[in-house]
Amino acid sequence: MSCAPGTQLESCAALQRRSDSSKLDESDEMDEIILGCQMTMKRVSANDAKQRFGEMLDAAQRAPVVIERHGRPRAVLMSFDDYDEAERHKLVALKRDIQVGLDDLKAGRAHPLDIDKIKRNARKKALRRA
């Protein structure tokens, strides 16, 4: 398996290596899903995760585990290192986006927000949904 072009997460390859050595049994109602970096994650029901929490913690050290309720993904259990890395990537992206905005302001490519107009548009959208 290989990461998709442009994948931002450096841990993709590490997650792939860990997913290959998963201790979770395939017979325990576990499915595999494909992530953006084309590696697999285990899926487990919330009830199974509750009953086998220690095993889920161990599995999360190798690859994220999707926890489902009524067949829908509700949470992801992942290692602290992977979480920390994802947070660092988000912070880098946020800083980059803020800098782009500041550069746009300096270059005159941005206009001040009209808060009253934003509120009016939000009310219109809310009324349409009701």
Protein backbone atom coordinates (compact mmCIF):
# COMPACT_ATOMS: atom_id res chain seq x y z
CA MET A 1 0.00 0.00 0.00
CA SER A 2 1.15 3.54 -0.67
CA CYS A 3 0.04 6.99 0.35
CA ALA A 4 -2.04 8.98 -2.08
CA PRO A 5 -0.23 11.86 -3.76
CA GLY A 6 -0.32 14.98 -1.63
CA THR A 7 -1.11 13.16 1.59
CA GLN A 8 -0.15 15.47 4.45
CA LEU A 9 0.16 12.94 7.26
CA GLU A 10 3.71 11.78 7.70
CA SER A 11 2.48 8.86 9.81
CA CYS A 12 0.67 7.22 6.88
CA ALA A 13 3.51 4.77 6.20
CA ALA A 14 3.87 4.03 9.90
CA LEU A 15 0.13 3.37 10.15
CA GLN A 16 0.34 1.01 7.20
CA ARG A 17 3.15 -0.98 8.81
CA ARG A 18 1.23 -1.20 12.07
CA SER A 19 -2.03 -2.21 10.40
CA ASP A 20 -0.34 -5.27 8.90
CA SER A 21 0.39 -6.66 12.36
CA SER A 22 -3.03 -6.13 13.96
CA LYS A 23 -3.91 -8.59 16.73
CA LEU A 24 -7.67 -8.16 16.23
CA ASP A 25 -9.40 -11.23 14.85
CA GLU A 26 -11.18 -10.87 11.52
CA SER A 27 -13.98 -13.05 12.93
CA ASP A 28 -14.84 -10.40 15.55
CA GLU A 29 -17.11 -8.42 13.23
CA MET A 30 -14.21 -6.23 12.13
CA ASP A 31 -14.26 -4.69 8.69
CA GLU A 32 -11.65 -2.65 6.91
CA ILE A 33 -12.15 0.79 5.45
CA ILE A 34 -9.88 2.74 3.18
CA LEU A 35 -8.43 6.07 4.30
CA GLY A 36 -7.27 8.92 2.09
CA CYS A 37 -3.72 7.53 2.28
CA GLN A 38 -4.98 4.16 1.04
CA MET A 39 -4.29 2.24 4.23
CA THR A 40 -6.84 0.28 6.19
CA MET A 41 -8.40 0.89 9.58
CA LYS A 42 -10.30 -1.58 11.71
CA ARG A 43 -13.98 -0.98 12.40
CA VAL A 44 -15.62 -2.14 15.59
CA SER A 45 -19.04 -1.64 17.16
CA ALA A 46 -19.26 0.55 20.26
CA ASN A 47 -20.35 -2.49 22.27
CA ASP A 48 -17.31 -4.52 21.15
CA ALA A 49 -15.02 -1.56 21.87
CA LYS A 50 -16.47 -1.29 25.37
CA GLN A 51 -16.08 -5.00 26.07
CA ARG A 52 -12.55 -5.18 24.62
CA PHE A 53 -11.21 -1.74 25.51
CA GLY A 54 -7.71 -2.94 26.42
CA GLU A 55 -7.40 -4.74 23.10
CA MET A 56 -8.67 -1.62 21.30
CA LEU A 57 -5.98 0.48 23.03
CA ASP A 58 -3.32 -1.97 21.83
CA ALA A 59 -4.77 -1.99 18.30
CA ALA A 60 -4.82 1.83 18.23
CA GLN A 61 -1.05 1.84 18.74
CA ARG A 62 -0.71 0.08 15.36
CA ALA A 63 -3.49 1.85 13.43
CA PRO A 64 -6.55 3.96 14.19
CA VAL A 65 -9.72 2.05 15.12
CA VAL A 66 -13.12 3.32 13.96
CA ILE A 67 -15.84 2.87 16.57
CA GLU A 68 -19.35 2.61 15.15
CA ARG A 69 -22.81 2.87 16.63
CA HIS A 70 -25.71 1.49 14.59
CA GLY A 71 -23.32 0.93 11.68
CA ARG A 72 -22.23 4.58 11.50
CA PRO A 73 -18.74 5.82 12.41
CA ARG A 74 -18.91 7.78 15.67
CA ALA A 75 -15.32 7.99 16.92
CA VAL A 76 -11.75 7.08 16.13
CA LEU A 77 -9.37 5.64 18.70
CA MET A 78 -5.79 6.45 17.79
CA SER A 79 -2.37 6.54 19.39
CA PHE A 80 -1.32 9.71 21.15
CA ASP A 81 1.63 10.09 18.78
CA ASP A 82 -0.68 10.01 15.73
CA TYR A 83 -3.09 12.45 17.40
CA ASP A 84 -0.24 14.81 18.32
CA GLU A 85 1.09 14.71 14.76
CA ALA A 86 -2.35 15.44 13.31
CA GLU A 87 -2.74 18.40 15.67
CA ARG A 88 0.66 19.75 14.63
CA HIS A 89 -0.37 19.50 10.96
CA LYS A 90 -3.59 21.37 11.71
CA LEU A 91 -1.65 24.12 13.49
CA VAL A 92 0.77 24.49 10.57
CA ALA A 93 -2.18 24.73 8.14
CA LEU A 94 -3.95 27.28 10.35
CA LYS A 95 -0.83 29.46 10.58
CA ARG A 96 -0.40 29.24 6.80
CA ASP A 97 -4.05 30.23 6.21
CA ILE A 98 -3.77 33.16 8.62
CA GLN A 99 -0.65 34.37 6.82
CA VAL A 100 -2.41 34.15 3.45
CA GLY A 101 -5.25 36.25 4.89
CA LEU A 102 -2.85 38.83 6.29
CA ASP A 103 -1.01 38.98 2.95
CA ASP A 104 -4.36 39.48 1.17
CA LEU A 105 -5.23 42.34 3.54
CA LYS A 106 -1.89 44.05 2.92
CA ALA A 107 -2.26 43.65 -0.86
CA GLY A 108 -5.83 45.01 -0.82
CA ARG A 109 -7.36 41.73 -1.97
CA ALA A 110 -9.63 41.45 1.09
CA HIS A 111 -12.61 43.49 2.17
CA PRO A 112 -13.86 44.11 5.71
CA LEU A 113 -16.68 41.87 6.87
CA ASP A 114 -20.16 43.31 7.04
CA ILE A 115 -21.42 41.64 10.23
CA ASP A 116 -25.00 42.83 9.71
CA LYS A 117 -25.05 41.35 6.21
CA ILE A 118 -23.68 38.05 7.52
CA LYS A 119 -26.41 37.94 10.21
CA ARG A 120 -29.14 38.71 7.65
CA ASN A 121 -27.91 35.93 5.35
CA ALA A 122 -27.77 33.49 8.28
CA ARG A 123 -31.36 34.36 9.27
CA LYS A 124 -32.52 33.85 5.67
CA LYS A 125 -30.88 30.45 5.51
CA ALA A 126 -32.39 29.46 8.87
CA LEU A 127 -35.86 30.50 7.70
CA ARG A 128 -35.48 28.46 4.50
CA ARG A 129 -34.58 25.37 6.54
CA ALA A 130 -37.56 25.79 8.90
